[in-house]
Amino acid sequence: MVKTLVFLYLASESRLAFLEKEVQFHSLPREGEWLKLRNRDKGDYFAFRVQEVTHREGSLPEMMLDVLRSSETEYELFDEQELDEYIASYIAEEWLLKSCKENTRYKNHAHQRAD
């Protein structure tokens, strides 16, 4: 098993949440591969794309996951209440909420989720 520090971003139209967790994998996922993360409350049906893997000397590998995508150019944004619910559900799975700030990155390349 390979222990990895995983960085997860969830976005709404106005906010970007950054979560972090140590996760174990049978092998280290590579850039471009897809991951499904355990979420007992909301389900684990979302696949997050591995955007970046960084190896640090003397430390765990770090993996950054991309915000949910609907296509190569569009991102899936949660509505505000749904974002809060998903943040809470990942915290229940022992993710740490590191920050939640204004979304200035994904606004122009996104559409609202239609669940």
Foldseek 3Di string as FASTA:
>chain_A
DAWEKEWEWAAALWKIWIKIDTDDDPDDDDAQDWDFDDQPPPDRPAIWGFHDWADDVPDGIYTYTDADAPDPQEHEHEHPVVVVVVVVRVVVVVIGTPDMGTDPDHNVRYDYDDD
